[in-house]
Amino acid sequence: MTQTEPITPTPGKTLGIVALVLSIPLSLVGLVLGIVGLVKARRANRHNWWAVAAITVSFLVIVAIVIWAATLVWLMGECAELGPGIHEVDGRPIECVAPAGS
């Protein structure tokens, strides 16, 4: 009769799953938990694909937020210079509205 090795759980797997779930709504939390889960798995010389996926998704969400914020800041700067109305900048129309209360 052949003996098989007992299946041992991957350390940090639960953290990796939680990190993946949180990677879109709370990307920084997902990134940190994913890194912690990956470190725990690496210390036990195991693979934790949940943590790798969480780190990847969190990173991509953070990059998308940074790009969105930079675009928003650029548009606000353009509208501050141009004033309210519809303007054409680099061949693209930009609609600037007056700030509330003005």
PDB file of N, CA and C in Angstrom:
ATOM      1  N   MET A   1       0.829  -1.169   0.000  1.00  0.00           N
ATOM      2  CA  MET A   1       0.000   0.000   0.000  1.00  0.00           C
ATOM      3  C   MET A   1       0.883   1.244   0.000  1.00  0.00           C
ATOM      4  N   THR A   2       0.522   2.202  -0.807  1.00  0.00           N
ATOM      5  CA  THR A   2       1.314   3.429  -0.903  1.00  0.00           C
ATOM      6  C   THR A   2       0.755   4.485   0.038  1.00  0.00           C
ATOM      7  N   GLN A   3       1.679   5.144   0.660  1.00  0.00           N
ATOM      8  CA  GLN A   3       1.262   6.235   1.536  1.00  0.00           C
ATOM      9  C   GLN A   3       1.400   7.552   0.781  1.00  0.00           C
ATOM     10  N   THR A   4       0.403   8.380   0.931  1.00  0.00           N
ATOM     11  CA  THR A   4       0.478   9.708   0.324  1.00  0.00           C
ATOM     12  C   THR A   4       0.755  10.722   1.417  1.00  0.00           C
ATOM     13  N   GLU A   5       1.362  11.803   0.994  1.00  0.00           N
ATOM     14  CA  GLU A   5       1.647  12.859   1.953  1.00  0.00           C
ATOM     15  C   GLU A   5       0.355  13.573   2.323  1.00  0.00           C
ATOM     16  N   PRO A   6       0.218  13.951   3.564  1.00  0.00           N
ATOM     17  CA  PRO A   6      -0.995  14.680   3.952  1.00  0.00           C
ATOM     18  C   PRO A   6      -1.023  16.060   3.287  1.00  0.00           C
ATOM     19  N   ILE A   7      -2.211  16.476   2.944  1.00  0.00           N
ATOM     20  CA  ILE A   7      -2.369  17.782   2.323  1.00  0.00           C
ATOM     21  C   ILE A   7      -2.340  18.840   3.417  1.00  0.00           C
ATOM     22  N   THR A   8      -1.403  19.758   3.271  1.00  0.00           N
ATOM     23  CA  THR A   8      -1.293  20.842   4.250  1.00  0.00           C
ATOM     24  C   THR A   8      -1.780  22.133   3.598  1.00  0.00           C
ATOM     25  N   PRO A   9      -2.494  22.931   4.348  1.00  0.00           N
ATOM     26  CA  PRO A   9      -2.985  24.186   3.772  1.00  0.00           C
ATOM     27  C   PRO A   9      -1.829  25.160   3.513  1.00  0.00           C
ATOM     28  N   THR A  10      -2.025  26.002   2.525  1.00  0.00           N
ATOM     29  CA  THR A  10      -1.018  27.011   2.200  1.00  0.00           C
ATOM     30  C   THR A  10      -1.135  28.160   3.188  1.00  0.00           C
ATOM     31  N   PRO A  11      -0.051  28.494   3.887  1.00  0.00           N
ATOM     32  CA  PRO A  11      -0.112  29.639   4.789  1.00  0.00           C
ATOM     33  C   PRO A  11      -0.385  30.919   4.002  1.00  0.00           C
ATOM     34  N   GLY A  12      -1.257  31.731   4.516  1.00  0.00           N
ATOM     35  CA  GLY A  12      -1.564  32.993   3.864  1.00  0.00           C
ATOM     36  C   GLY A  12      -2.605  32.892   2.769  1.00  0.00           C
ATOM     37  N   LYS A  13      -3.163  31.676   2.547  1.00  0.00           N
ATOM     38  CA  LYS A  13      -4.151  31.517   1.479  1.00  0.00           C
ATOM     39  C   LYS A  13      -5.411  32.319   1.799  1.00  0.00           C
ATOM     40  N   THR A  14      -5.861  32.274   3.034  1.00  0.00           N
ATOM     41  CA  THR A  14      -7.054  33.036   3.422  1.00  0.00           C
ATOM     42  C   THR A  14      -6.808  34.529   3.252  1.00  0.00           C
ATOM     43  N   LEU A  15      -5.635  34.980   3.633  1.00  0.00           N
ATOM     44  CA  LEU A  15      -5.296  36.390   3.429  1.00  0.00           C
ATOM     45  C   LEU A  15      -5.294  36.742   1.944  1.00  0.00           C
ATOM     46  N   GLY A  16      -4.820  35.846   1.113  1.00  0.00           N
ATOM     47  CA  GLY A  16      -4.804  36.086  -0.326  1.00  0.00           C
ATOM     48  C   GLY A  16      -6.206  36.193  -0.900  1.00  0.00           C
ATOM     49  N   ILE A  17      -7.122  35.336  -0.427  1.00  0.00           N
ATOM     50  CA  ILE A  17      -8.500  35.381  -0.906  1.00  0.00           C
ATOM     51  C   ILE A  17      -9.176  36.671  -0.451  1.00  0.00           C
ATOM     52  N   VAL A  18      -8.991  37.022   0.817  1.00  0.00           N
ATOM     53  CA  VAL A  18      -9.571  38.274   1.339  1.00  0.00           C
ATOM     54  C   VAL A  18      -8.984  39.472   0.583  1.00  0.00           C
ATOM     55  N   ALA A  19      -7.704  39.427   0.318  1.00  0.00           N
ATOM     56  CA  ALA A  19      -7.051  40.517  -0.412  1.00  0.00           C
ATOM     57  C   ALA A  19      -7.620  40.652  -1.818  1.00  0.00           C
ATOM     58  N   LEU A  20      -7.885  39.530  -2.476  1.00  0.00           N
ATOM     59  CA  LEU A  20      -8.445  39.581  -3.826  1.00  0.00           C
ATOM     60  C   LEU A  20      -9.856  40.158  -3.806  1.00  0.00           C
ATOM     61  N   VAL A  21     -10.633  39.797  -2.802  1.00  0.00           N
ATOM     62  CA  VAL A  21     -11.990  40.342  -2.682  1.00  0.00           C
ATOM     63  C   VAL A  21     -11.935  41.853  -2.450  1.00  0.00           C
ATOM     64  N   LEU A  22     -10.977  42.306  -1.653  1.00  0.00           N
ATOM     65  CA  LEU A  22     -10.865  43.731  -1.332  1.00  0.00           C
ATOM     66  C   LEU A  22     -10.037  44.524  -2.342  1.00  0.00           C
ATOM     67  N   SER A  23      -9.467  43.862  -3.327  1.00  0.00           N
ATOM     68  CA  SER A  23      -8.538  44.544  -4.228  1.00  0.00           C
ATOM     69  C   SER A  23      -9.184  45.619  -5.094  1.00  0.00           C
ATOM     70  N   ILE A  24     -10.485  45.527  -5.363  1.00  0.00           N
ATOM     71  CA  ILE A  24     -11.125  46.571  -6.171  1.00  0.00           C
ATOM     72  C   ILE A  24     -11.712  47.669  -5.292  1.00  0.00           C
ATOM     73  N   PRO A  25     -12.545  47.353  -4.288  1.00  0.00           N
ATOM     74  CA  PRO A  25     -13.118  48.465  -3.517  1.00  0.00           C
ATOM     75  C   PRO A  25     -12.114  49.141  -2.582  1.00  0.00           C
ATOM     76  N   LEU A  26     -11.180  48.395  -2.049  1.00  0.00           N
ATOM     77  CA  LEU A  26     -10.167  48.949  -1.127  1.00  0.00           C
ATOM     78  C   LEU A  26      -8.793  48.479  -1.589  1.00  0.00           C
ATOM     79  N   SER A  27      -8.324  49.053  -2.676  1.00  0.00           N
ATOM     80  CA  SER A  27      -7.133  48.524  -3.337  1.00  0.00           C
ATOM     81  C   SER A  27      -5.869  48.584  -2.477  1.00  0.00           C
ATOM     82  N   LEU A  28      -5.709  49.616  -1.689  1.00  0.00           N
ATOM     83  CA  LEU A  28      -4.510  49.665  -0.837  1.00  0.00           C
ATOM     84  C   LEU A  28      -4.537  48.564   0.214  1.00  0.00           C
ATOM     85  N   VAL A  29      -5.698  48.332   0.811  1.00  0.00           N
ATOM     86  CA  VAL A  29      -5.837  47.257   1.796  1.00  0.00           C
ATOM     87  C   VAL A  29      -5.597  45.911   1.119  1.00  0.00           C
ATOM     88  N   GLY A  30      -6.171  45.731  -0.073  1.00  0.00           N
ATOM     89  CA  GLY A  30      -5.956  44.496  -0.821  1.00  0.00           C
ATOM     90  C   GLY A  30      -4.496  44.271  -1.166  1.00  0.00           C
ATOM     91  N   LEU A  31      -3.801  45.348  -1.518  1.00  0.00           N
ATOM     92  CA  LEU A  31      -2.373  45.239  -1.844  1.00  0.00           C
ATOM     93  C   LEU A  31      -1.564  44.807  -0.626  1.00  0.00           C
ATOM     94  N   VAL A  32      -1.821  45.438   0.502  1.00  0.00           N
ATOM     95  CA  VAL A  32      -1.073  45.105   1.722  1.00  0.00           C
ATOM     96  C   VAL A  32      -1.365  43.669   2.165  1.00  0.00           C
ATOM     97  N   LEU A  33      -2.647  43.285   2.183  1.00  0.00           N
ATOM     98  CA  LEU A  33      -2.984  41.916   2.588  1.00  0.00           C
ATOM     99  C   LEU A  33      -2.411  40.891   1.612  1.00  0.00           C
ATOM    100  N   GLY A  34      -2.410  41.216   0.332  1.00  0.00           N
ATOM    101  CA  GLY A  34      -1.825  40.308  -0.651  1.00  0.00           C
ATOM    102  C   GLY A  34      -0.337  40.109  -0.441  1.00  0.00           C
ATOM    103  N   ILE A  35       0.345  41.190  -0.138  1.00  0.00           N
ATOM    104  CA  ILE A  35       1.789  41.090   0.126  1.00  0.00           C
ATOM    105  C   ILE A  35       2.052  40.265   1.378  1.00  0.00           C
ATOM    106  N   VAL A  36       1.248  40.495   2.424  1.00  0.00           N
ATOM    107  CA  VAL A  36       1.426  39.725   3.670  1.00  0.00           C
ATOM    108  C   VAL A  36       1.158  38.242   3.412  1.00  0.00           C
ATOM    109  N   GLY A  37       0.088  37.937   2.664  1.00  0.00           N
ATOM    110  CA  GLY A  37      -0.211  36.546   2.346  1.00  0.00           C
ATOM    111  C   GLY A  37       0.876  35.887   1.513  1.00  0.00           C
ATOM    112  N   LEU A  38       1.433  36.632   0.578  1.00  0.00           N
ATOM    113  CA  LEU A  38       2.505  36.098  -0.251  1.00  0.00           C
ATOM    114  C   LEU A  38       3.767  35.847   0.565  1.00  0.00           C
ATOM    115  N   VAL A  39       4.087  36.752   1.468  1.00  0.00           N
ATOM    116  CA  VAL A  39       5.270  36.579   2.318  1.00  0.00           C
ATOM    117  C   VAL A  39       5.111  35.341   3.210  1.00  0.00           C
ATOM    118  N   LYS A  40       3.901  35.165   3.774  1.00  0.00           N
ATOM    119  CA  LYS A  40       3.675  33.979   4.619  1.00  0.00           C
ATOM    120  C   LYS A  40       3.849  32.692   3.820  1.00  0.00           C
ATOM    121  N   ALA A  41       3.336  32.681   2.607  1.00  0.00           N
ATOM    122  CA  ALA A  41       3.455  31.482   1.776  1.00  0.00           C
ATOM    123  C   ALA A  41       4.906  31.237   1.374  1.00  0.00           C
ATOM    124  N   ARG A  42       5.612  32.298   1.030  1.00  0.00           N
ATOM    125  CA  ARG A  42       7.018  32.135   0.622  1.00  0.00           C
ATOM    126  C   ARG A  42       7.878  31.628   1.773  1.00  0.00           C
ATOM    127  N   ARG A  43       7.565  32.072   2.991  1.00  0.00           N
ATOM    128  CA  ARG A  43       8.340  31.587   4.144  1.00  0.00           C
ATOM    129  C   ARG A  43       8.148  30.085   4.340  1.00  0.00           C
ATOM    130  N   ALA A  44       6.973  29.586   3.968  1.00  0.00           N
ATOM    131  CA  ALA A  44       6.705  28.155   4.070  1.00  0.00           C
ATOM    132  C   ALA A  44       7.077  27.426   2.779  1.00  0.00           C
ATOM    133  N   ASN A  45       7.709  28.153   1.844  1.00  0.00           N
ATOM    134  CA  ASN A  45       8.127  27.603   0.561  1.00  0.00           C
ATOM    135  C   ASN A  45       6.948  27.043  -0.226  1.00  0.00           C
ATOM    136  N   ARG A  46       5.848  27.779  -0.243  1.00  0.00           N
ATOM    137  CA  ARG A  46       4.629  27.394  -0.964  1.00  0.00           C
ATOM    138  C   ARG A  46       4.244  28.499  -1.930  1.00  0.00           C
ATOM    139  N   HIS A  47       3.368  28.191  -2.863  1.00  0.00           N
ATOM    140  CA  HIS A  47       2.845  29.169  -3.815  1.00  0.00           C
ATOM    141  C   HIS A  47       1.480  29.638  -3.343  1.00  0.00           C
ATOM    142  N   ASN A  48       1.224  30.931  -3.477  1.00  0.00           N
ATOM    143  CA  ASN A  48      -0.068  31.484  -3.100  1.00  0.00           C
ATOM    144  C   ASN A  48      -0.564  32.336  -4.267  1.00  0.00           C
ATOM    145  N   TRP A  49      -1.263  31.686  -5.205  1.00  0.00           N
ATOM    146  CA  TRP A  49      -1.722  32.388  -6.400  1.00  0.00           C
ATOM    147  C   TRP A  49      -2.814  33.391  -6.085  1.00  0.00           C
ATOM    148  N   TRP A  50      -3.553  33.169  -5.012  1.00  0.00           N
ATOM    149  CA  TRP A  50      -4.575  34.137  -4.607  1.00  0.00           C
ATOM    150  C   TRP A  50      -3.919  35.471  -4.268  1.00  0.00           C
ATOM    151  N   ALA A  51      -2.826  35.409  -3.538  1.00  0.00           N
ATOM    152  CA  ALA A  51      -2.122  36.636  -3.146  1.00  0.00           C
ATOM    153  C   ALA A  51      -1.505  37.325  -4.360  1.00  0.00           C
ATOM    154  N   VAL A  52      -0.955  36.555  -5.279  1.00  0.00           N
ATOM    155  CA  VAL A  52      -0.368  37.134  -6.491  1.00  0.00           C
ATOM    156  C   VAL A  52      -1.450  37.837  -7.307  1.00  0.00           C
ATOM    157  N   ALA A  53      -2.608  37.196  -7.439  1.00  0.00           N
ATOM    158  CA  ALA A  53      -3.719  37.810  -8.175  1.00  0.00           C
ATOM    159  C   ALA A  53      -4.187  39.079  -7.475  1.00  0.00           C
ATOM    160  N   ALA A  54      -4.268  39.050  -6.150  1.00  0.00           N
ATOM    161  CA  ALA A  54      -4.698  40.233  -5.393  1.00  0.00           C
ATOM    162  C   ALA A  54      -3.719  41.384  -5.568  1.00  0.00           C
ATOM    163  N   ILE A  55      -2.434  41.097  -5.528  1.00  0.00           N
ATOM    164  CA  ILE A  55      -1.421  42.137  -5.705  1.00  0.00           C
ATOM    165  C   ILE A  55      -1.528  42.733  -7.114  1.00  0.00           C
ATOM    166  N   THR A  56      -1.702  41.887  -8.111  1.00  0.00           N
ATOM    167  CA  THR A  56      -1.803  42.356  -9.492  1.00  0.00           C
ATOM    168  C   THR A  56      -3.029  43.226  -9.701  1.00  0.00           C
ATOM    169  N   VAL A  57      -4.183  42.752  -9.245  1.00  0.00           N
ATOM    170  CA  VAL A  57      -5.423  43.519  -9.418  1.00  0.00           C
ATOM    171  C   VAL A  57      -5.353  44.829  -8.645  1.00  0.00           C
ATOM    172  N   SER A  58      -4.870  44.785  -7.411  1.00  0.00           N
ATOM    173  CA  SER A  58      -4.752  46.004  -6.604  1.00  0.00           C
ATOM    174  C   SER A  58      -3.841  47.017  -7.278  1.00  0.00           C
ATOM    175  N   PHE A  59      -2.715  46.548  -7.803  1.00  0.00           N
ATOM    176  CA  PHE A  59      -1.782  47.440  -8.475  1.00  0.00           C
ATOM    177  C   PHE A  59      -2.428  48.092  -9.694  1.00  0.00           C
ATOM    178  N   LEU A  60      -3.129  47.299 -10.502  1.00  0.00           N
ATOM    179  CA  LEU A  60      -3.780  47.847 -11.687  1.00  0.00           C
ATOM    180  C   LEU A  60      -4.865  48.856 -11.327  1.00  0.00           C
ATOM    181  N   VAL A  61      -5.610  48.588 -10.263  1.00  0.00           N
ATOM    182  CA  VAL A  61      -6.650  49.535  -9.824  1.00  0.00           C
ATOM    183  C   VAL A  61      -6.004  50.829  -9.347  1.00  0.00           C
ATOM    184  N   ILE A  62      -4.920  50.734  -8.603  1.00  0.00           N
ATOM    185  CA  ILE A  62      -4.226  51.937  -8.118  1.00  0.00           C
ATOM    186  C   ILE A  62      -3.691  52.748  -9.294  1.00  0.00           C
ATOM    187  N   VAL A  63      -3.124  52.085 -10.297  1.00  0.00           N
ATOM    188  CA  VAL A  63      -2.630  52.795 -11.489  1.00  0.00           C
ATOM    189  C   VAL A  63      -3.782  53.494 -12.208  1.00  0.00           C
ATOM    190  N   ALA A  64      -4.922  52.821 -12.340  1.00  0.00           N
ATOM    191  CA  ALA A  64      -6.083  53.427 -13.001  1.00  0.00           C
ATOM    192  C   ALA A  64      -6.584  54.644 -12.228  1.00  0.00           C
ATOM    193  N   ILE A  65      -6.592  54.569 -10.901  1.00  0.00           N
ATOM    194  CA  ILE A  65      -7.022  55.704 -10.078  1.00  0.00           C
ATOM    195  C   ILE A  65      -6.065  56.880 -10.232  1.00  0.00           C
ATOM    196  N   VAL A  66      -4.769  56.604 -10.271  1.00  0.00           N
ATOM    197  CA  VAL A  66      -3.782  57.674 -10.435  1.00  0.00           C
ATOM    198  C   VAL A  66      -3.950  58.347 -11.799  1.00  0.00           C
ATOM    199  N   ILE A  67      -4.164  57.557 -12.844  1.00  0.00           N
ATOM    200  CA  ILE A  67      -4.377  58.139 -14.178  1.00  0.00           C
ATOM    201  C   ILE A  67      -5.650  58.970 -14.193  1.00  0.00           C
ATOM    202  N   TRP A  68      -6.722  58.463 -13.602  1.00  0.00           N
ATOM    203  CA  TRP A  68      -7.986  59.200 -13.536  1.00  0.00           C
ATOM    204  C   TRP A  68      -7.809  60.517 -12.779  1.00  0.00           C
ATOM    205  N   ALA A  69      -7.113  60.473 -11.634  1.00  0.00           N
ATOM    206  CA  ALA A  69      -6.906  61.683 -10.839  1.00  0.00           C
ATOM    207  C   ALA A  69      -6.046  62.704 -11.599  1.00  0.00           C
ATOM    208  N   ALA A  70      -5.021  62.238 -12.283  1.00  0.00           N
ATOM    209  CA  ALA A  70      -4.165  63.154 -13.053  1.00  0.00           C
ATOM    210  C   ALA A  70      -4.961  63.815 -14.175  1.00  0.00           C
ATOM    211  N   THR A  71      -5.817  63.058 -14.829  1.00  0.00           N
ATOM    212  CA  THR A  71      -6.664  63.621 -15.885  1.00  0.00           C
ATOM    213  C   THR A  71      -7.626  64.655 -15.315  1.00  0.00           C
ATOM    214  N   LEU A  72      -8.205  64.346 -14.183  1.00  0.00           N
ATOM    215  CA  LEU A  72      -9.134  65.278 -13.534  1.00  0.00           C
ATOM    216  C   LEU A  72      -8.434  66.579 -13.144  1.00  0.00           C
ATOM    217  N   VAL A  73      -7.243  66.475 -12.601  1.00  0.00           N
ATOM    218  CA  VAL A  73      -6.481  67.673 -12.221  1.00  0.00           C
ATOM    219  C   VAL A  73      -6.139  68.484 -13.468  1.00  0.00           C
ATOM    220  N   TRP A  74      -5.741  67.800 -14.551  1.00  0.00           N
ATOM    221  CA  TRP A  74      -5.438  68.504 -15.796  1.00  0.00           C
ATOM    222  C   TRP A  74      -6.666  69.239 -16.315  1.00  0.00           C
ATOM    223  N   LEU A  75      -7.819  68.569 -16.316  1.00  0.00           N
ATOM    224  CA  LEU A  75      -9.044  69.204 -16.794  1.00  0.00           C
ATOM    225  C   LEU A  75      -9.441  70.391 -15.926  1.00  0.00           C
ATOM    226  N   MET A  76      -9.270  70.265 -14.639  1.00  0.00           N
ATOM    227  CA  MET A  76      -9.595  71.382 -13.751  1.00  0.00           C
ATOM    228  C   MET A  76      -8.682  72.570 -14.024  1.00  0.00           C
ATOM    229  N   GLY A  77      -7.420  72.309 -14.300  1.00  0.00           N
ATOM    230  CA  GLY A  77      -6.486  73.383 -14.636  1.00  0.00           C
ATOM    231  C   GLY A  77      -6.845  74.059 -15.947  1.00  0.00           C
ATOM    232  N   GLU A  78      -7.210  73.259 -16.939  1.00  0.00           N
ATOM    233  CA  GLU A  78      -7.620  73.819 -18.225  1.00  0.00           C
ATOM    234  C   GLU A  78      -8.870  74.679 -18.067  1.00  0.00           C
ATOM    235  N   CYS A  79      -9.836  74.192 -17.322  1.00  0.00           N
ATOM    236  CA  CYS A  79     -11.084  74.944 -17.140  1.00  0.00           C
ATOM    237  C   CYS A  79     -10.855  76.208 -16.312  1.00  0.00           C
ATOM    238  N   ALA A  80      -9.887  76.180 -15.398  1.00  0.00           N
ATOM    239  CA  ALA A  80      -9.581  77.381 -14.621  1.00  0.00           C
ATOM    240  C   ALA A  80      -9.018  78.472 -15.539  1.00  0.00           C
ATOM    241  N   GLU A  81      -8.217  78.065 -16.523  1.00  0.00           N
ATOM    242  CA  GLU A  81      -7.660  79.028 -17.474  1.00  0.00           C
ATOM    243  C   GLU A  81      -8.699  79.522 -18.474  1.00  0.00           C
ATOM    244  N   LEU A  82      -9.522  78.615 -18.993  1.00  0.00           N
ATOM    245  CA  LEU A  82     -10.436  78.937 -20.085  1.00  0.00           C
ATOM    246  C   LEU A  82     -11.754  79.559 -19.632  1.00  0.00           C
ATOM    247  N   GLY A  83     -12.197  79.245 -18.445  1.00  0.00           N
ATOM    248  CA  GLY A  83     -13.478  79.757 -17.966  1.00  0.00           C
ATOM    249  C   GLY A  83     -14.623  78.869 -18.416  1.00  0.00           C
ATOM    250  N   PRO A  84     -15.854  79.190 -17.971  1.00  0.00           N
ATOM    251  CA  PRO A  84     -16.996  78.351 -18.314  1.00  0.00           C
ATOM    252  C   PRO A  84     -17.334  78.410 -19.807  1.00  0.00           C
ATOM    253  N   GLY A  85     -17.890  77.307 -20.299  1.00  0.00           N
ATOM    254  CA  GLY A  85     -18.278  77.226 -21.703  1.00  0.00           C
ATOM    255  C   GLY A  85     -17.684  75.990 -22.343  1.00  0.00           C
ATOM    256  N   ILE A  86     -17.897  75.847 -23.647  1.00  0.00           N
ATOM    257  CA  ILE A  86     -17.347  74.721 -24.401  1.00  0.00           C
ATOM    258  C   ILE A  86     -16.153  75.239 -25.196  1.00  0.00           C
ATOM    259  N   HIS A  87     -15.013  74.612 -24.997  1.00  0.00           N
ATOM    260  CA  HIS A  87     -13.761  75.033 -25.627  1.00  0.00           C
ATOM    261  C   HIS A  87     -13.159  73.851 -26.374  1.00  0.00           C
ATOM    262  N   GLU A  88     -12.321  74.152 -27.345  1.00  0.00           N
ATOM    263  CA  GLU A  88     -11.626  73.106 -28.081  1.00  0.00           C
ATOM    264  C   GLU A  88     -10.146  73.166 -27.714  1.00  0.00           C
ATOM    265  N   VAL A  89      -9.644  72.069 -27.157  1.00  0.00           N
ATOM    266  CA  VAL A  89      -8.239  71.986 -26.761  1.00  0.00           C
ATOM    267  C   VAL A  89      -7.642  70.777 -27.464  1.00  0.00           C
ATOM    268  N   ASP A  90      -6.609  71.001 -28.248  1.00  0.00           N
ATOM    269  CA  ASP A  90      -5.942  69.936 -29.017  1.00  0.00           C
ATOM    270  C   ASP A  90      -6.939  69.144 -29.858  1.00  0.00           C
ATOM    271  N   GLY A  91      -7.896  69.814 -30.425  1.00  0.00           N
ATOM    272  CA  GLY A  91      -8.866  69.175 -31.302  1.00  0.00           C
ATOM    273  C   GLY A  91      -9.981  68.446 -30.581  1.00  0.00           C
ATOM    274  N   ARG A  92     -10.047  68.566 -29.256  1.00  0.00           N
ATOM    275  CA  ARG A  92     -11.082  67.878 -28.470  1.00  0.00           C
ATOM    276  C   ARG A  92     -11.917  68.913 -27.730  1.00  0.00           C
ATOM    277  N   PRO A  93     -13.217  68.741 -27.754  1.00  0.00           N
ATOM    278  CA  PRO A  93     -14.070  69.690 -27.019  1.00  0.00           C
ATOM    279  C   PRO A  93     -14.012  69.402 -25.509  1.00  0.00           C
ATOM    280  N   ILE A  94     -13.932  70.469 -24.752  1.00  0.00           N
ATOM    281  CA  ILE A  94     -13.961  70.383 -23.286  1.00  0.00           C
ATOM    282  C   ILE A  94     -15.070  71.312 -22.810  1.00  0.00           C
ATOM    283  N   GLU A  95     -15.974  70.774 -22.012  1.00  0.00           N
ATOM    284  CA  GLU A  95     -17.046  71.588 -21.464  1.00  0.00           C
ATOM    285  C   GLU A  95     -16.700  71.942 -20.027  1.00  0.00           C
ATOM    286  N   CYS A  96     -16.560  73.235 -19.775  1.00  0.00           N
ATOM    287  CA  CYS A  96     -16.246  73.727 -18.448  1.00  0.00           C
ATOM    288  C   CYS A  96     -17.485  74.388 -17.866  1.00  0.00           C
ATOM    289  N   VAL A  97     -17.820  74.024 -16.652  1.00  0.00           N
ATOM    290  CA  VAL A  97     -18.973  74.632 -15.994  1.00  0.00           C
ATOM    291  C   VAL A  97     -18.491  75.592 -14.928  1.00  0.00           C
ATOM    292  N   ALA A  98     -19.329  76.564 -14.610  1.00  0.00           N
ATOM    293  CA  ALA A  98     -18.982  77.524 -13.569  1.00  0.00           C
ATOM    294  C   ALA A  98     -19.046  76.818 -12.222  1.00  0.00           C
ATOM    295  N   PRO A  99     -18.138  77.165 -11.309  1.00  0.00           N
ATOM    296  CA  PRO A  99     -18.172  76.555  -9.970  1.00  0.00           C
ATOM    297  C   PRO A  99     -19.483  76.894  -9.271  1.00  0.00           C
ATOM    298  N   ALA A 100     -19.931  76.007  -8.419  1.00  0.00           N
ATOM    299  CA  ALA A 100     -21.167  76.227  -7.677  1.00  0.00           C
ATOM    300  C   ALA A 100     -21.021  77.450  -6.785  1.00  0.00           C
ATOM    301  N   GLY A 101     -22.061  78.260  -6.776  1.00  0.00           N
ATOM    302  CA  GLY A 101     -22.047  79.452  -5.940  1.00  0.00           C
ATOM    303  C   GLY A 101     -21.456  80.664  -6.622  1.00  0.00           C
ATOM    304  N   SER A 102     -21.122  80.600  -7.923  1.00  0.00           N
ATOM    305  CA  SER A 102     -20.567  81.774  -8.604  1.00  0.00           C
ATOM    306  C   SER A 102     -21.623  82.468  -9.417  1.00  0.00           C
TER     307      SER A 102
END
